[in-house]
PDB file of all heavy atoms in Angstrom:
ATOM      1  N   ARG A   1       0.831  -1.205   0.000  1.00  0.00           N
ATOM      2  CA  ARG A   1       0.000   0.000   0.000  1.00  0.00           C
ATOM      3  C   ARG A   1       0.867   1.257   0.000  1.00  0.00           C
ATOM      4  O   ARG A   1       0.563   2.235  -0.705  1.00  0.00           O
ATOM      5  CB  ARG A   1      -0.944  -0.009   1.198  1.00  0.00           C
ATOM      6  CG  ARG A   1      -1.745   1.266   1.305  1.00  0.00           C
ATOM      7  CD  ARG A   1      -3.040   1.137   2.022  1.00  0.00           C
ATOM      8  NE  ARG A   1      -3.754   2.420   1.966  1.00  0.00           N
ATOM      9  CZ  ARG A   1      -5.047   2.565   2.183  1.00  0.00           C
ATOM     10  NH1 ARG A   1      -5.791   1.515   2.450  1.00  0.00           N
ATOM     11  NH2 ARG A   1      -5.604   3.745   2.135  1.00  0.00           N
ATOM     12  N   GLN A   2       1.940   1.252   0.777  1.00  0.00           N
ATOM     13  CA  GLN A   2       2.831   2.413   0.801  1.00  0.00           C
ATOM     14  C   GLN A   2       3.446   2.671  -0.573  1.00  0.00           C
ATOM     15  O   GLN A   2       3.522   3.816  -1.033  1.00  0.00           O
ATOM     16  CB  GLN A   2       3.934   2.189   1.837  1.00  0.00           C
ATOM     17  CG  GLN A   2       3.451   2.209   3.280  1.00  0.00           C
ATOM     18  CD  GLN A   2       4.537   1.773   4.250  1.00  0.00           C
ATOM     19  OE1 GLN A   2       5.672   1.505   3.859  1.00  0.00           O
ATOM     20  NE2 GLN A   2       4.186   1.702   5.537  1.00  0.00           N
ATOM     21  N   VAL A   3       3.886   1.588  -1.240  1.00  0.00           N
ATOM     22  CA  VAL A   3       4.513   1.731  -2.559  1.00  0.00           C
ATOM     23  C   VAL A   3       3.497   2.261  -3.573  1.00  0.00           C
ATOM     24  O   VAL A   3       3.806   3.164  -4.367  1.00  0.00           O
ATOM     25  CB  VAL A   3       5.091   0.378  -3.022  1.00  0.00           C
ATOM     26  CG1 VAL A   3       5.561   0.462  -4.477  1.00  0.00           C
ATOM     27  CG2 VAL A   3       6.244  -0.046  -2.118  1.00  0.00           C
ATOM     28  N   VAL A   4       2.296   1.711  -3.547  1.00  0.00           N
ATOM     29  CA  VAL A   4       1.246   2.157  -4.472  1.00  0.00           C
ATOM     30  C   VAL A   4       0.894   3.618  -4.221  1.00  0.00           C
ATOM     31  O   VAL A   4       0.782   4.426  -5.160  1.00  0.00           O
ATOM     32  CB  VAL A   4      -0.002   1.261  -4.339  1.00  0.00           C
ATOM     33  CG1 VAL A   4      -1.190   1.867  -5.093  1.00  0.00           C
ATOM     34  CG2 VAL A   4       0.294  -0.141  -4.852  1.00  0.00           C
ATOM     35  N   ASP A   5       0.729   3.981  -2.945  1.00  0.00           N
ATOM     36  CA  ASP A   5       0.364   5.362  -2.622  1.00  0.00           C
ATOM     37  C   ASP A   5       1.459   6.350  -3.046  1.00  0.00           C
ATOM     38  O   ASP A   5       1.168   7.448  -3.534  1.00  0.00           O
ATOM     39  CB  ASP A   5       0.093   5.500  -1.126  1.00  0.00           C
ATOM     40  CG  ASP A   5      -1.265   4.935  -0.728  1.00  0.00           C
ATOM     41  OD1 ASP A   5      -2.122   4.753  -1.629  1.00  0.00           O
ATOM     42  OD2 ASP A   5      -1.480   4.675   0.464  1.00  0.00           O
ATOM     43  N   GLN A   6       2.708   5.957  -2.848  1.00  0.00           N
ATOM     44  CA  GLN A   6       3.800   6.847  -3.233  1.00  0.00           C
ATOM     45  C   GLN A   6       3.818   7.072  -4.745  1.00  0.00           C
ATOM     46  O   GLN A   6       3.994   8.205  -5.214  1.00  0.00           O
ATOM     47  CB  GLN A   6       5.138   6.281  -2.766  1.00  0.00           C
ATOM     48  CG  GLN A   6       6.319   7.201  -3.070  1.00  0.00           C
ATOM     49  CD  GLN A   6       7.636   6.628  -2.597  1.00  0.00           C
ATOM     50  OE1 GLN A   6       7.794   5.412  -2.483  1.00  0.00           O
ATOM     51  NE2 GLN A   6       8.602   7.499  -2.328  1.00  0.00           N
ATOM     52  N   LEU A   7       3.612   5.991  -5.507  1.00  0.00           N
ATOM     53  CA  LEU A   7       3.583   6.130  -6.962  1.00  0.00           C
ATOM     54  C   LEU A   7       2.385   6.968  -7.386  1.00  0.00           C
ATOM     55  O   LEU A   7       2.482   7.799  -8.303  1.00  0.00           O
ATOM     56  CB  LEU A   7       3.535   4.753  -7.621  1.00  0.00           C
ATOM     57  CG  LEU A   7       3.542   4.726  -9.153  1.00  0.00           C
ATOM     58  CD1 LEU A   7       4.777   5.430  -9.709  1.00  0.00           C
ATOM     59  CD2 LEU A   7       3.476   3.291  -9.675  1.00  0.00           C
ATOM     60  N   ARG A   8       1.272   6.780  -6.730  1.00  0.00           N
ATOM     61  CA  ARG A   8       0.059   7.536  -7.064  1.00  0.00           C
ATOM     62  C   ARG A   8       0.243   9.028  -6.789  1.00  0.00           C
ATOM     63  O   ARG A   8      -0.199   9.877  -7.570  1.00  0.00           O
ATOM     64  CB  ARG A   8      -1.125   7.001  -6.254  1.00  0.00           C
ATOM     65  CG  ARG A   8      -2.462   7.657  -6.581  1.00  0.00           C
ATOM     66  CD  ARG A   8      -3.573   7.051  -5.722  1.00  0.00           C
ATOM     67  NE  ARG A   8      -4.876   7.519  -6.140  1.00  0.00           N
ATOM     68  CZ  ARG A   8      -5.427   8.666  -5.749  1.00  0.00           C
ATOM     69  NH1 ARG A   8      -4.763   9.456  -4.912  1.00  0.00           N
ATOM     70  NH2 ARG A   8      -6.630   9.022  -6.170  1.00  0.00           N
ATOM     71  N   GLN A   9       0.900   9.345  -5.699  1.00  0.00           N
ATOM     72  CA  GLN A   9       1.037  10.747  -5.295  1.00  0.00           C
ATOM     73  C   GLN A   9       2.181  11.468  -6.006  1.00  0.00           C
ATOM     74  O   GLN A   9       2.055  12.631  -6.406  1.00  0.00           O
ATOM     75  CB  GLN A   9       1.240  10.818  -3.778  1.00  0.00           C
ATOM     76  CG  GLN A   9       0.024  10.374  -2.985  1.00  0.00           C
ATOM     77  CD  GLN A   9       0.360  10.011  -1.545  1.00  0.00           C
ATOM     78  OE1 GLN A   9       1.466  10.251  -1.069  1.00  0.00           O
ATOM     79  NE2 GLN A   9      -0.602   9.427  -0.838  1.00  0.00           N
ATOM     80  N   GLU A  10       3.305  10.772  -6.180  1.00  0.00           N
ATOM     81  CA  GLU A  10       4.503  11.426  -6.703  1.00  0.00           C
ATOM     82  C   GLU A  10       4.779  11.097  -8.167  1.00  0.00           C
ATOM     83  O   GLU A  10       5.517  11.830  -8.840  1.00  0.00           O
ATOM     84  CB  GLU A  10       5.714  11.040  -5.852  1.00  0.00           C
ATOM     85  CG  GLU A  10       5.571  11.418  -4.388  1.00  0.00           C
ATOM     86  CD  GLU A  10       6.730  10.911  -3.547  1.00  0.00           C
ATOM     87  OE1 GLU A  10       7.696  10.365  -4.140  1.00  0.00           O
ATOM     88  OE2 GLU A  10       6.662  11.054  -2.312  1.00  0.00           O
ATOM     89  N   GLY A  11       4.225   9.983  -8.639  1.00  0.00           N
ATOM     90  CA  GLY A  11       4.487   9.571 -10.010  1.00  0.00           C
ATOM     91  C   GLY A  11       5.862   8.940 -10.163  1.00  0.00           C
ATOM     92  O   GLY A  11       6.654   8.891  -9.214  1.00  0.00           O
ATOM     93  N   PRO A  12       6.173   8.463 -11.346  1.00  0.00           N
ATOM     94  CA  PRO A  12       7.472   7.832 -11.583  1.00  0.00           C
ATOM     95  C   PRO A  12       8.564   8.877 -11.828  1.00  0.00           C
ATOM     96  O   PRO A  12       8.274  10.018 -12.202  1.00  0.00           O
ATOM     97  CB  PRO A  12       7.224   7.013 -12.851  1.00  0.00           C
ATOM     98  CG  PRO A  12       6.206   7.818 -13.602  1.00  0.00           C
ATOM     99  CD  PRO A  12       5.316   8.437 -12.549  1.00  0.00           C
ATOM    100  N   THR A  13       9.791   8.472 -11.629  1.00  0.00           N
ATOM    101  CA  THR A  13      10.899   9.322 -12.048  1.00  0.00           C
ATOM    102  C   THR A  13      11.055   9.219 -13.558  1.00  0.00           C
ATOM    103  O   THR A  13      10.549   8.282 -14.186  1.00  0.00           O
ATOM    104  CB  THR A  13      12.209   8.887 -11.376  1.00  0.00           C
ATOM    105  OG1 THR A  13      12.565   7.572 -11.862  1.00  0.00           O
ATOM    106  CG2 THR A  13      12.063   8.848  -9.853  1.00  0.00           C
ATOM    107  N   GLN A  14      11.761  10.153 -14.146  1.00  0.00           N
ATOM    108  CA  GLN A  14      11.986  10.100 -15.583  1.00  0.00           C
ATOM    109  C   GLN A  14      12.812   8.875 -15.946  1.00  0.00           C
ATOM    110  O   GLN A  14      12.607   8.257 -16.998  1.00  0.00           O
ATOM    111  CB  GLN A  14      12.692  11.368 -16.062  1.00  0.00           C
ATOM    112  CG  GLN A  14      12.717  11.506 -17.577  1.00  0.00           C
ATOM    113  CD  GLN A  14      11.321  11.530 -18.191  1.00  0.00           C
ATOM    114  OE1 GLN A  14      10.437  12.258 -17.716  1.00  0.00           O
ATOM    115  NE2 GLN A  14      11.096  10.727 -19.227  1.00  0.00           N
ATOM    116  N   GLU A  15      13.736   8.508 -15.067  1.00  0.00           N
ATOM    117  CA  GLU A  15      14.551   7.313 -15.310  1.00  0.00           C
ATOM    118  C   GLU A  15      13.675   6.062 -15.340  1.00  0.00           C
ATOM    119  O   GLU A  15      13.844   5.200 -16.210  1.00  0.00           O
ATOM    120  CB  GLU A  15      15.624   7.178 -14.235  1.00  0.00           C
ATOM    121  CG  GLU A  15      16.501   5.940 -14.406  1.00  0.00           C
ATOM    122  CD  GLU A  15      17.460   5.745 -13.238  1.00  0.00           C
ATOM    123  OE1 GLU A  15      17.467   6.588 -12.317  1.00  0.00           O
ATOM    124  OE2 GLU A  15      18.183   4.729 -13.256  1.00  0.00           O
ATOM    125  N   GLU A  16      12.732   5.948 -14.401  1.00  0.00           N
ATOM    126  CA  GLU A  16      11.827   4.799 -14.383  1.00  0.00           C
ATOM    127  C   GLU A  16      10.974   4.755 -15.645  1.00  0.00           C
ATOM    128  O   GLU A  16      10.767   3.679 -16.228  1.00  0.00           O
ATOM    129  CB  GLU A  16      10.908   4.873 -13.158  1.00  0.00           C
ATOM    130  CG  GLU A  16      11.570   4.541 -11.844  1.00  0.00           C
ATOM    131  CD  GLU A  16      10.609   4.704 -10.680  1.00  0.00           C
ATOM    132  OE1 GLU A  16       9.882   5.732 -10.643  1.00  0.00           O
ATOM    133  OE2 GLU A  16      10.577   3.817  -9.809  1.00  0.00           O
ATOM    134  N   LEU A  17      10.485   5.912 -16.060  1.00  0.00           N
ATOM    135  CA  LEU A  17       9.635   5.955 -17.247  1.00  0.00           C
ATOM    136  C   LEU A  17      10.414   5.544 -18.489  1.00  0.00           C
ATOM    137  O   LEU A  17       9.918   4.761 -19.318  1.00  0.00           O
ATOM    138  CB  LEU A  17       9.063   7.358 -17.428  1.00  0.00           C
ATOM    139  CG  LEU A  17       8.076   7.546 -18.580  1.00  0.00           C
ATOM    140  CD1 LEU A  17       6.864   6.639 -18.420  1.00  0.00           C
ATOM    141  CD2 LEU A  17       7.637   9.012 -18.684  1.00  0.00           C
ATOM    142  N   THR A  18      11.640   6.014 -18.607  1.00  0.00           N
ATOM    143  CA  THR A  18      12.466   5.648 -19.754  1.00  0.00           C
ATOM    144  C   THR A  18      12.763   4.152 -19.754  1.00  0.00           C
ATOM    145  O   THR A  18      12.688   3.490 -20.800  1.00  0.00           O
ATOM    146  CB  THR A  18      13.784   6.443 -19.733  1.00  0.00           C
ATOM    147  OG1 THR A  18      13.484   7.837 -19.807  1.00  0.00           O
ATOM    148  CG2 THR A  18      14.674   6.051 -20.900  1.00  0.00           C
ATOM    149  N   ARG A  19      13.083   3.613 -18.584  1.00  0.00           N
ATOM    150  CA  ARG A  19      13.383   2.180 -18.483  1.00  0.00           C
ATOM    151  C   ARG A  19      12.148   1.343 -18.847  1.00  0.00           C
ATOM    152  O   ARG A  19      12.249   0.358 -19.588  1.00  0.00           O
ATOM    153  CB  ARG A  19      13.865   1.854 -17.073  1.00  0.00           C
ATOM    154  CG  ARG A  19      14.366   0.427 -16.915  1.00  0.00           C
ATOM    155  CD  ARG A  19      15.124   0.254 -15.601  1.00  0.00           C
ATOM    156  NE  ARG A  19      14.325   0.574 -14.431  1.00  0.00           N
ATOM    157  CZ  ARG A  19      14.637   1.519 -13.543  1.00  0.00           C
ATOM    158  NH1 ARG A  19      15.716   2.257 -13.709  1.00  0.00           N
ATOM    159  NH2 ARG A  19      13.862   1.745 -12.493  1.00  0.00           N
ATOM    160  N   ALA A  20      10.991   1.731 -18.334  1.00  0.00           N
ATOM    161  CA  ALA A  20       9.754   1.000 -18.633  1.00  0.00           C
ATOM    162  C   ALA A  20       9.413   1.088 -20.116  1.00  0.00           C
ATOM    163  O   ALA A  20       8.978   0.103 -20.726  1.00  0.00           O
ATOM    164  CB  ALA A  20       8.607   1.550 -17.792  1.00  0.00           C
ATOM    165  N   ARG A  21       9.636   2.247 -20.705  1.00  0.00           N
ATOM    166  CA  ARG A  21       9.339   2.434 -22.114  1.00  0.00           C
ATOM    167  C   ARG A  21      10.226   1.534 -22.979  1.00  0.00           C
ATOM    168  O   ARG A  21       9.742   0.854 -23.890  1.00  0.00           O
ATOM    169  CB  ARG A  21       9.542   3.900 -22.493  1.00  0.00           C
ATOM    170  CG  ARG A  21       8.888   4.285 -23.805  1.00  0.00           C
ATOM    171  CD  ARG A  21       9.344   5.638 -24.308  1.00  0.00           C
ATOM    172  NE  ARG A  21       9.448   6.666 -23.299  1.00  0.00           N
ATOM    173  CZ  ARG A  21       8.445   7.441 -22.895  1.00  0.00           C
ATOM    174  NH1 ARG A  21       7.244   7.262 -23.398  1.00  0.00           N
ATOM    175  NH2 ARG A  21       8.642   8.376 -21.992  1.00  0.00           N
ATOM    176  N   GLU A  22      11.518   1.518 -22.681  1.00  0.00           N
ATOM    177  CA  GLU A  22      12.435   0.697 -23.469  1.00  0.00           C
ATOM    178  C   GLU A  22      12.160  -0.791 -23.265  1.00  0.00           C
ATOM    179  O   GLU A  22      12.274  -1.585 -24.196  1.00  0.00           O
ATOM    180  CB  GLU A  22      13.886   1.029 -23.113  1.00  0.00           C
ATOM    181  CG  GLU A  22      14.306   2.427 -23.529  1.00  0.00           C
ATOM    182  CD  GLU A  22      14.039   2.694 -25.001  1.00  0.00           C
ATOM    183  OE1 GLU A  22      14.421   1.848 -25.845  1.00  0.00           O
ATOM    184  OE2 GLU A  22      13.419   3.739 -25.319  1.00  0.00           O
ATOM    185  N   GLN A  23      11.795  -1.165 -22.050  1.00  0.00           N
ATOM    186  CA  GLN A  23      11.460  -2.558 -21.773  1.00  0.00           C
ATOM    187  C   GLN A  23      10.228  -2.984 -22.567  1.00  0.00           C
ATOM    188  O   GLN A  23      10.205  -4.059 -23.183  1.00  0.00           O
ATOM    189  CB  GLN A  23      11.203  -2.738 -20.274  1.00  0.00           C
ATOM    190  CG  GLN A  23      10.906  -4.168 -19.844  1.00  0.00           C
ATOM    191  CD  GLN A  23      10.595  -4.256 -18.351  1.00  0.00           C
ATOM    192  OE1 GLN A  23       9.910  -3.414 -17.800  1.00  0.00           O
ATOM    193  NE2 GLN A  23      11.128  -5.286 -17.707  1.00  0.00           N
ATOM    194  N   SER A  24       9.219  -2.140 -22.600  1.00  0.00           N
ATOM    195  CA  SER A  24       7.982  -2.459 -23.311  1.00  0.00           C
ATOM    196  C   SER A  24       8.215  -2.508 -24.814  1.00  0.00           C
ATOM    197  O   SER A  24       7.700  -3.392 -25.511  1.00  0.00           O
ATOM    198  CB  SER A  24       6.899  -1.429 -22.976  1.00  0.00           C
ATOM    199  OG  SER A  24       6.580  -1.461 -21.596  1.00  0.00           O
ATOM    200  N   LYS A  25       8.994  -1.581 -25.331  1.00  0.00           N
ATOM    201  CA  LYS A  25       9.299  -1.572 -26.760  1.00  0.00           C
ATOM    202  C   LYS A  25      10.091  -2.815 -27.164  1.00  0.00           C
ATOM    203  O   LYS A  25       9.836  -3.423 -28.209  1.00  0.00           O
ATOM    204  CB  LYS A  25      10.056  -0.296 -27.115  1.00  0.00           C
ATOM    205  CG  LYS A  25       9.174   0.941 -27.089  1.00  0.00           C
ATOM    206  CD  LYS A  25       9.948   2.239 -26.897  1.00  0.00           C
ATOM    207  CE  LYS A  25      10.908   2.529 -28.008  1.00  0.00           C
ATOM    208  NZ  LYS A  25      11.530   3.875 -27.855  1.00  0.00           N
ATOM    209  N   ALA A  26      11.044  -3.197 -26.321  1.00  0.00           N
ATOM    210  CA  ALA A  26      11.823  -4.403 -26.614  1.00  0.00           C
ATOM    211  C   ALA A  26      10.937  -5.639 -26.613  1.00  0.00           C
ATOM    212  O   ALA A  26      11.091  -6.538 -27.459  1.00  0.00           O
ATOM    213  CB  ALA A  26      12.957  -4.558 -25.597  1.00  0.00           C
ATOM    214  N   ASN A  27      10.005  -5.704 -25.654  1.00  0.00           N
ATOM    215  CA  ASN A  27       9.096  -6.853 -25.594  1.00  0.00           C
ATOM    216  C   ASN A  27       8.261  -6.962 -26.864  1.00  0.00           C
ATOM    217  O   ASN A  27       8.004  -8.060 -27.364  1.00  0.00           O
ATOM    218  CB  ASN A  27       8.182  -6.737 -24.375  1.00  0.00           C
ATOM    219  CG  ASN A  27       8.903  -6.988 -23.073  1.00  0.00           C
ATOM    220  OD1 ASN A  27       9.983  -7.589 -23.055  1.00  0.00           O
ATOM    221  ND2 ASN A  27       8.336  -6.517 -21.972  1.00  0.00           N
ATOM    222  N   VAL A  28       7.834  -5.811 -27.396  1.00  0.00           N
ATOM    223  CA  VAL A  28       7.048  -5.817 -28.631  1.00  0.00           C
ATOM    224  C   VAL A  28       7.877  -6.338 -29.792  1.00  0.00           C
ATOM    225  O   VAL A  28       7.480  -7.260 -30.515  1.00  0.00           O
ATOM    226  CB  VAL A  28       6.519  -4.403 -28.943  1.00  0.00           C
ATOM    227  CG1 VAL A  28       5.923  -4.353 -30.355  1.00  0.00           C
ATOM    228  CG2 VAL A  28       5.482  -3.992 -27.925  1.00  0.00           C
ATOM    229  N   MET A  29       9.050  -5.747 -29.983  1.00  0.00           N
ATOM    230  CA  MET A  29       9.863  -6.083 -31.147  1.00  0.00           C
ATOM    231  C   MET A  29      10.366  -7.530 -31.091  1.00  0.00           C
ATOM    232  O   MET A  29      10.314  -8.265 -32.075  1.00  0.00           O
ATOM    233  CB  MET A  29      11.035  -5.117 -31.265  1.00  0.00           C
ATOM    234  CG  MET A  29      10.610  -3.669 -31.470  1.00  0.00           C
ATOM    235  SD  MET A  29       9.480  -3.431 -32.866  1.00  0.00           S
ATOM    236  CE  MET A  29      10.578  -3.793 -34.238  1.00  0.00           C
ATOM    237  N   MET A  30      10.858  -7.948 -29.930  1.00  0.00           N
ATOM    238  CA  MET A  30      11.380  -9.318 -29.806  1.00  0.00           C
ATOM    239  C   MET A  30      10.253 -10.343 -29.796  1.00  0.00           C
ATOM    240  O   MET A  30      10.448 -11.488 -30.195  1.00  0.00           O
ATOM    241  CB  MET A  30      12.239  -9.444 -28.554  1.00  0.00           C
ATOM    242  CG  MET A  30      13.539  -8.647 -28.652  1.00  0.00           C
ATOM    243  SD  MET A  30      14.713  -8.965 -27.315  1.00  0.00           S
ATOM    244  CE  MET A  30      13.883  -8.200 -25.924  1.00  0.00           C
ATOM    245  N   GLY A  31       9.066  -9.910 -29.361  1.00  0.00           N
ATOM    246  CA  GLY A  31       7.932 -10.829 -29.323  1.00  0.00           C
ATOM    247  C   GLY A  31       7.293 -11.069 -30.668  1.00  0.00           C
ATOM    248  O   GLY A  31       6.407 -11.912 -30.798  1.00  0.00           O
ATOM    249  N   LEU A  32       7.709 -10.312 -31.691  1.00  0.00           N
ATOM    250  CA  LEU A  32       7.119 -10.468 -33.021  1.00  0.00           C
ATOM    251  C   LEU A  32       8.126 -11.019 -34.029  1.00  0.00           C
ATOM    252  O   LEU A  32       8.018 -10.766 -35.227  1.00  0.00           O
ATOM    253  CB  LEU A  32       6.576  -9.120 -33.518  1.00  0.00           C
ATOM    254  CG  LEU A  32       5.343  -8.587 -32.783  1.00  0.00           C
ATOM    255  CD1 LEU A  32       4.971  -7.206 -33.289  1.00  0.00           C
ATOM    256  CD2 LEU A  32       4.159  -9.541 -32.924  1.00  0.00           C
ATOM    257  N   GLU A  33       9.091 -11.793 -33.540  1.00  0.00           N
ATOM    258  CA  GLU A  33      10.131 -12.289 -34.434  1.00  0.00           C
ATOM    259  C   GLU A  33       9.867 -13.696 -34.961  1.00  0.00           C
ATOM    260  O   GLU A  33      10.683 -14.233 -35.695  1.00  0.00           O
ATOM    261  CB  GLU A  33      11.494 -12.218 -33.735  1.00  0.00           C
ATOM    262  CG  GLU A  33      11.981 -10.787 -33.544  1.00  0.00           C
ATOM    263  CD  GLU A  33      13.399 -10.694 -33.028  1.00  0.00           C
ATOM    264  OE1 GLU A  33      13.910 -11.723 -32.531  1.00  0.00           O
ATOM    265  OE2 GLU A  33      13.996  -9.610 -33.117  1.00  0.00           O
TER     266      GLU A  33
END
């Protein structure tokens, strides 16, 4: 609950967002091979 509330209130860092974006993009590209 603490982790969820912190993310809800403060949002992600730019580093986290970039990492999540690259991870998701890689999953798409590698998953369609």
